[in-house]
Protein backbone atom coordinates (compact mmCIF):
# COMPACT_ATOMS: atom_id res chain seq x y z
CA UNK A 1 201.34 -123.94 356.10
CA UNK A 2 203.79 -122.42 353.64
CA UNK A 3 206.82 -124.23 352.90
CA UNK A 4 209.51 -121.73 354.76
CA UNK A 5 212.21 -122.49 356.69
CA UNK A 6 211.58 -123.02 360.59
CA UNK A 7 211.94 -120.14 362.91
CA UNK A 8 213.35 -123.21 365.26
CA UNK A 9 214.66 -126.48 364.52
CA UNK A 10 215.54 -128.73 367.86
CA UNK A 11 217.30 -131.59 366.96
CA UNK A 12 218.26 -134.26 369.20
CA UNK A 13 218.62 -131.93 372.07
CA UNK A 14 220.40 -133.19 375.20
CA UNK A 15 220.46 -131.88 378.58
CA UNK A 16 221.39 -133.35 381.66
CA UNK A 17 221.92 -132.66 385.20
CA UNK A 18 225.00 -134.07 386.86
CA UNK A 19 224.19 -134.73 390.46
CA UNK A 20 226.12 -136.41 393.50
CA UNK A 21 223.38 -139.37 393.07
CA UNK A 22 223.85 -139.70 389.26
CA UNK A 23 223.10 -138.19 385.99
CA UNK A 24 219.54 -137.22 385.33
CA UNK A 25 218.36 -136.92 381.40
CA UNK A 26 215.90 -134.07 381.85
CA UNK A 27 215.72 -133.79 378.24
CA UNK A 28 216.85 -136.96 375.86
CA UNK A 29 217.19 -136.99 372.56
CA UNK A 30 214.03 -134.31 371.91
CA UNK A 31 213.80 -132.93 368.34
CA UNK A 32 210.82 -130.57 366.84
CA UNK A 33 210.45 -127.76 364.86
CA UNK A 34 207.97 -124.18 364.70
CA UNK A 35 207.13 -122.68 361.42
CA UNK A 36 206.43 -118.95 361.60
CA UNK A 37 203.18 -117.84 363.01
CA UNK A 38 202.53 -121.48 364.18
CA UNK A 39 201.90 -122.69 367.73
CA UNK A 40 203.33 -125.71 369.13
CA UNK A 41 202.25 -127.00 372.44
CA UNK A 42 204.70 -128.78 374.32
CA UNK A 43 202.40 -131.02 376.58
CA UNK A 44 203.12 -133.96 379.62
CA UNK A 45 203.17 -134.36 382.93
CA UNK A 46 205.32 -132.38 385.78
CA UNK A 47 208.88 -133.70 385.58
CA UNK A 48 208.58 -134.50 381.88
CA UNK A 49 211.25 -132.32 380.77
CA UNK A 50 208.82 -129.39 378.87
CA UNK A 51 210.37 -126.80 381.37
CA UNK A 52 214.16 -127.46 380.90
CA UNK A 53 213.73 -128.03 376.94
CA UNK A 54 212.31 -124.52 376.80
CA UNK A 55 215.16 -122.96 379.28
CA UNK A 56 217.51 -124.91 377.16
CA UNK A 57 216.70 -123.07 374.37
CA UNK A 58 217.31 -119.98 376.13
CA UNK A 59 220.51 -121.09 377.84
CA UNK A 60 218.66 -120.75 381.24
CA UNK A 61 219.86 -123.95 382.17
CA UNK A 62 221.57 -123.59 385.65
CA UNK A 63 224.43 -125.94 386.99
CA UNK A 64 224.63 -128.64 387.62
CA UNK A 65 222.49 -129.01 384.22
CA UNK A 66 223.76 -128.34 380.87
CA UNK A 67 223.31 -129.05 377.45
CA UNK A 68 225.37 -131.76 376.38
CA UNK A 69 224.11 -132.64 372.73
CA UNK A 70 222.06 -131.74 369.74
CA UNK A 71 221.20 -128.67 367.71
CA UNK A 72 218.94 -125.64 368.79
CA UNK A 73 219.04 -123.51 365.40
CA UNK A 74 217.30 -120.31 365.90
CA UNK A 75 216.88 -118.73 361.99
CA UNK A 76 219.35 -121.02 360.80
CA UNK A 77 222.11 -120.39 363.10
CA UNK A 78 223.14 -122.81 366.06
CA UNK A 79 222.72 -121.04 369.39
CA UNK A 80 223.03 -124.81 371.48
CA UNK A 81 227.00 -123.53 372.82
CA UNK A 82 226.37 -120.02 372.02
CA UNK A 83 228.08 -117.24 374.30
CA UNK A 84 226.19 -115.53 377.05
CA UNK A 85 227.06 -112.00 375.28
CA UNK A 86 224.88 -113.80 371.98
CA UNK A 87 222.58 -114.91 374.23
CA UNK A 88 221.95 -111.82 376.10
CA UNK A 89 221.05 -110.09 372.70
CA UNK A 90 218.40 -112.89 371.91
CA UNK A 91 216.97 -113.10 375.48
CA UNK A 92 213.84 -110.74 375.63
CA UNK A 93 214.43 -109.48 372.06
CA UNK A 94 214.42 -112.00 369.22
CA UNK A 95 213.52 -115.01 371.69
CA UNK A 96 211.08 -113.83 374.64
CA UNK A 97 209.69 -116.31 377.29
CA UNK A 98 206.72 -116.04 379.90
CA UNK A 99 207.31 -117.93 382.99
CA UNK A 100 205.25 -119.80 385.16
CA UNK A 101 206.00 -117.42 387.98
CA UNK A 102 205.60 -113.56 387.16
CA UNK A 103 208.07 -112.83 389.92
CA UNK A 104 210.92 -114.60 387.88
CA UNK A 105 210.22 -111.47 385.05
CA UNK A 106 209.38 -108.56 387.43
CA UNK A 107 211.62 -106.84 389.89
CA UNK A 108 209.75 -106.59 393.48
CA UNK A 109 211.86 -102.90 394.05
CA UNK A 110 211.20 -101.20 390.42
CA UNK A 111 208.50 -100.01 389.28
CA UNK A 112 206.38 -101.21 386.09
CA UNK A 113 207.13 -98.94 383.90
CA UNK A 114 211.16 -98.91 384.52
CA UNK A 115 211.34 -102.76 383.86
CA UNK A 116 209.17 -102.36 380.65
CA UNK A 117 211.28 -99.07 379.35
CA UNK A 118 214.20 -100.59 380.02
CA UNK A 119 213.42 -103.53 378.51
CA UNK A 120 212.89 -101.76 375.25
CA UNK A 121 215.96 -99.60 375.49
CA UNK A 122 218.25 -102.36 375.72
CA UNK A 123 217.22 -103.77 372.66
CA UNK A 124 215.51 -100.62 370.33
CA UNK A 125 216.89 -97.52 369.36
CA UNK A 126 213.90 -95.74 370.33
CA UNK A 127 213.70 -92.65 372.58
CA UNK A 128 212.10 -93.07 376.38
CA UNK A 129 208.70 -91.26 375.71
CA UNK A 130 208.58 -94.07 372.38
CA UNK A 131 209.30 -96.89 374.45
CA UNK A 132 207.13 -95.60 377.29
CA UNK A 133 204.03 -95.76 374.99
CA UNK A 134 204.98 -98.82 373.89
CA UNK A 135 205.01 -100.02 377.56
CA UNK A 136 201.39 -98.82 377.81
CA UNK A 137 199.93 -100.02 374.34
CA UNK A 138 201.63 -103.96 375.70
CA UNK A 139 199.48 -103.39 378.86
CA UNK A 140 196.22 -102.84 377.30
CA UNK A 141 196.66 -105.43 374.80
CA UNK A 142 196.97 -108.24 378.03
CA UNK A 143 193.64 -106.03 379.11
CA UNK A 144 195.09 -104.36 382.05
CA UNK A 145 192.46 -101.13 382.27
CA UNK A 146 194.45 -97.75 382.73
CA UNK A 147 197.42 -98.93 381.29
CA UNK A 148 198.80 -95.54 382.02
CA UNK A 149 198.24 -95.35 385.83
CA UNK A 150 199.62 -99.19 386.13
CA UNK A 151 202.85 -98.41 384.66
CA UNK A 152 203.72 -95.99 388.07
CA UNK A 153 203.02 -99.04 390.23
CA UNK A 154 204.84 -101.76 391.97
CA UNK A 155 204.59 -105.53 391.04
CA UNK A 156 203.23 -105.83 394.48
CA UNK A 157 200.49 -103.65 393.88
CA UNK A 158 199.34 -106.23 391.60
CA UNK A 159 197.21 -109.44 392.13
CA UNK A 160 198.59 -112.51 390.72
CA UNK A 161 196.94 -112.50 387.83
CA UNK A 162 197.71 -109.26 386.99
CA UNK A 163 201.32 -109.60 387.44
CA UNK A 164 201.42 -112.45 384.96
CA UNK A 165 199.48 -109.98 382.36
CA UNK A 166 202.54 -107.81 382.92
CA UNK A 167 204.96 -110.47 382.46
CA UNK A 168 203.25 -111.33 378.92
CA UNK A 169 203.04 -108.09 378.01
CA UNK A 170 207.02 -107.51 378.69
CA UNK A 171 207.23 -110.53 376.60
CA UNK A 172 205.47 -108.70 373.78
CA UNK A 173 207.67 -105.16 373.89
CA UNK A 174 210.22 -106.12 371.42
CA UNK A 175 207.94 -108.16 368.62
CA UNK A 176 209.96 -111.46 368.94
CA UNK A 177 210.26 -113.99 366.50
CA UNK A 178 209.86 -116.84 368.83
CA UNK A 179 208.08 -116.56 372.21
CA UNK A 180 208.65 -120.01 374.72
CA UNK A 181 205.50 -119.77 377.34
CA UNK A 182 205.73 -122.09 380.56
CA UNK A 183 202.30 -122.56 381.22
CA UNK A 184 201.57 -118.62 381.70
CA UNK A 185 198.18 -118.91 382.36
CA UNK A 186 197.98 -121.19 385.39
CA UNK A 187 197.53 -118.26 387.65
CA UNK A 188 194.33 -116.49 385.42
CA UNK A 189 190.73 -116.85 385.62
CA UNK A 190 189.13 -118.56 382.74
CA UNK A 191 187.94 -115.44 381.40
CA UNK A 192 191.49 -113.91 381.55
CA UNK A 193 192.58 -116.92 380.27
CA UNK A 194 190.30 -117.07 377.21
CA UNK A 195 191.42 -113.38 376.42
CA UNK A 196 195.35 -113.98 376.83
CA UNK A 197 194.79 -117.46 374.55
CA UNK A 198 192.82 -115.12 371.62
CA UNK A 199 195.62 -112.31 372.02
CA UNK A 200 198.14 -115.19 371.61
CA UNK A 201 196.44 -116.51 368.43
CA UNK A 202 196.36 -113.14 367.26
CA UNK A 203 199.86 -111.89 367.86
CA UNK A 204 201.03 -115.44 365.75
CA UNK A 205 198.83 -115.08 362.94
CA UNK A 206 199.15 -111.07 362.72
CA UNK A 207 203.03 -110.87 363.32
CA UNK A 208 204.32 -114.26 362.14
CA UNK A 209 205.59 -115.07 365.45
CA UNK A 210 206.17 -118.48 366.54
CA UNK A 211 205.51 -120.06 369.80
CA UNK A 212 206.04 -122.78 371.84
CA UNK A 213 203.18 -123.11 374.51
CA UNK A 214 204.17 -125.35 377.66
CA UNK A 215 201.68 -126.87 379.46
CA UNK A 216 199.95 -129.99 380.96
CA UNK A 217 196.40 -128.89 380.22
CA UNK A 218 195.23 -130.25 376.90
CA UNK A 219 192.21 -128.21 376.66
CA UNK A 220 194.24 -125.19 376.17
CA UNK A 221 196.30 -126.54 373.53
CA UNK A 222 193.12 -127.87 371.99
CA UNK A 223 191.46 -124.51 370.89
CA UNK A 224 195.51 -122.99 370.75
CA UNK A 225 197.88 -125.16 368.79
CA UNK A 226 198.53 -125.73 365.34
CA UNK A 227 200.71 -129.01 366.32
CA UNK A 228 201.37 -130.99 369.77
CA UNK A 229 204.49 -133.05 371.00
CA UNK A 230 203.61 -135.29 373.65
CA UNK A 231 206.52 -135.29 376.26
CA UNK A 232 207.25 -138.25 378.99
CA UNK A 233 210.38 -138.90 380.97
CA UNK A 234 212.49 -136.49 378.82
CA UNK A 235 211.31 -137.53 375.24
CA UNK A 236 208.93 -136.89 372.61
CA UNK A 237 206.53 -139.92 372.72
CA UNK A 238 204.00 -138.60 370.27
CA UNK A 239 203.76 -135.67 367.74
CA UNK A 240 201.58 -134.48 365.21
CA UNK A 241 199.12 -131.79 364.26
CA UNK A 242 196.97 -130.93 367.13
CA UNK A 243 193.29 -132.39 365.80
CA UNK A 244 195.28 -135.71 364.24
CA UNK A 245 196.76 -136.14 367.93
CA UNK A 246 193.95 -135.44 370.17
CA UNK A 247 191.17 -136.80 368.22
CA UNK A 248 193.15 -140.15 367.25
CA UNK A 249 195.57 -140.74 369.71
CA UNK A 250 198.31 -143.69 368.84
CA UNK A 251 200.39 -143.99 371.86
CA UNK A 252 198.79 -145.32 375.07
CA UNK A 253 200.29 -142.16 377.36
CA UNK A 254 198.76 -139.48 375.03
CA UNK A 255 195.28 -141.87 375.22
CA UNK A 256 195.88 -141.81 378.68
CA UNK A 257 195.72 -138.09 379.25
CA UNK A 258 193.26 -137.77 377.19
CA UNK A 259 191.22 -140.14 378.67
CA UNK A 260 192.10 -137.94 381.92
CA UNK A 261 190.08 -135.10 381.37
CA UNK A 262 186.79 -134.27 382.69
CA UNK A 263 184.13 -135.09 380.42
CA UNK A 264 180.07 -133.62 380.70
CA UNK A 265 179.57 -136.61 379.16
CA UNK A 266 180.43 -138.81 381.84
CA UNK A 267 178.57 -137.36 384.62
CA UNK A 268 178.86 -139.59 387.73
CA UNK A 269 181.82 -141.99 386.58
CA UNK A 270 185.09 -141.68 388.65
CA UNK A 271 187.75 -139.85 386.42
CA UNK A 272 190.39 -142.09 384.81
CA UNK A 273 193.71 -142.13 386.20
CA UNK A 274 197.19 -143.25 384.67
CA UNK A 275 198.24 -145.90 386.60
CA UNK A 276 201.22 -145.52 388.75
CA UNK A 277 203.59 -142.72 388.65
CA UNK A 278 206.35 -140.95 386.62
CA UNK A 279 209.58 -142.78 387.25
CA UNK A 280 212.38 -141.13 388.36
CA UNK A 281 215.08 -140.03 385.80
CA UNK A 282 217.50 -141.39 388.35
CA UNK A 283 216.16 -144.71 387.65
CA UNK A 284 214.60 -145.21 384.59
CA UNK A 285 213.15 -148.94 384.13
CA UNK A 286 214.43 -150.87 380.92
CA UNK A 287 213.21 -150.41 377.48
CA UNK A 288 210.12 -148.23 377.06
CA UNK A 289 210.16 -145.53 380.11
CA UNK A 290 206.19 -145.79 379.97
CA UNK A 291 206.56 -149.88 380.30
CA UNK A 292 205.20 -150.30 383.67
CA UNK A 293 202.18 -148.36 383.51
CA UNK A 294 201.26 -149.46 379.75
CA UNK A 295 198.04 -151.98 379.97
CA UNK A 296 199.83 -152.89 376.84
CA UNK A 297 203.55 -153.54 377.30
CA UNK A 298 204.72 -156.97 376.70
CA UNK A 299 208.93 -158.54 376.14
CA UNK A 300 209.14 -156.15 373.29
CA UNK A 301 209.14 -153.15 375.56
CA UNK A 302 212.29 -154.33 377.32
CA UNK A 303 213.84 -152.58 374.34
CA UNK A 304 213.87 -148.86 373.92
CA UNK A 305 211.63 -147.96 371.12
CA UNK A 306 212.44 -145.46 368.42
CA UNK A 307 210.66 -142.51 366.82
CA UNK A 308 208.62 -143.99 364.09
CA UNK A 309 206.11 -142.45 361.51
CA UNK A 310 202.88 -144.96 361.24
CA UNK A 311 201.25 -142.11 359.14
CA UNK A 312 202.70 -139.12 357.48
CA UNK A 313 202.95 -136.14 359.65
CA UNK A 314 202.82 -138.09 362.77
CA UNK A 315 205.69 -139.70 365.32
CA UNK A 316 205.29 -141.93 367.81
CA UNK A 317 208.04 -143.97 369.85
CA UNK A 318 206.01 -146.93 371.04
CA UNK A 319 206.06 -150.66 369.47
CA UNK A 320 202.42 -151.24 369.86
CA UNK A 321 200.97 -147.67 368.39
CA UNK A 322 196.97 -147.70 368.10
CA UNK A 323 196.75 -150.95 370.84
CA UNK A 324 193.72 -150.04 372.60
CA UNK A 325 192.92 -147.00 370.66
CA UNK A 326 189.21 -147.59 368.73
CA UNK A 327 189.38 -147.32 365.35
C-alpha cells in the first residue's frame, strides 16, 4: 500500500439515539481509515452498528439519532458537522452509497433513464446526451442486458436483483472517491453476486476508488476486502488485514463468527453458533459487551477493555486475545 493520505479517516465516531427509554449508543468510539483503491470490510451481526456507521459518514442519521462526537475526515476535511448543502454536494458525487434495499435509491414513479440522467446532471456539467450515454454504460457495467431499452423502464418492471444492480450503477455514475456499500448483494443470486464483487474490485483498482463494504457475510469479504474491521455492540473489537484476521483471529467474537460459517470439511457436524444473543444497546452489561457470551470471560472482563495492538497492523478490544485460538 502506498503511503498516501487516506480518502476517509474516522476518529472516535459516536452516534447516539435519544429515545424515551434512554440513550442508545449505536456507534460508540469507532475509528478506522480507508486508503485510495482500498476495500474495507465492516463486519458484524445485525445490530452491531455497521449501517449506522455508514449513514453517519453521509449525514443520513435521522432524529432521534445524531452524531455527537468524533471526526469524519473526507480527503482531509472534517465533515462530521457539515451543513446539509455541503453534504448534498458530496452525496452521489464524491461519496456514493449503495443501500441494502434498492427502493431507498429508486423513485418508483420515474423511469430509470430520468433518475440516472438527473443524477449525472446534478453534479456534472455535461449535456443530456452525454449523461444518458454514461447511464447506459453504467447499466452495462453491472450486467444488465440491453441497457438502452432498460433505461426506458420503471423500477417495478425489474426484479429485486435487477433493481439492486440499477442502484449499484447509479452509485458508479459520477466516479466517486468513496463508495459505502450496505450489503448490496444480499438480494442477488450467486453468479450475479460474483460479477458485482469482481466489478467492485476492478473499479477500486482502476479508478483508485475507496470502498467500505458493510456485511455480515464473511465469505464475501474474504474474497473482496483488503482490510476488515469487526464490530460488536457499536464498537470495533478487531481490525487488521483480511487474511490475518480470518486466518488468525485473536478476539473470541471474531473466532465465533468464523467458526459459524458452514464448511465442506465438516459434513454432518452441527453448525457452531455463538451462545446467547447480542445485548440490547440500552442495557449493555458492565465491562466488556461480549462478556456474557464469551467462554473465556473472567473477573477482568468486568472492566471495559480498550483497543490494543498485540502485533503490528492488528487491533483488538479484549483482555484475553488469543484465548482459545489454536497456535
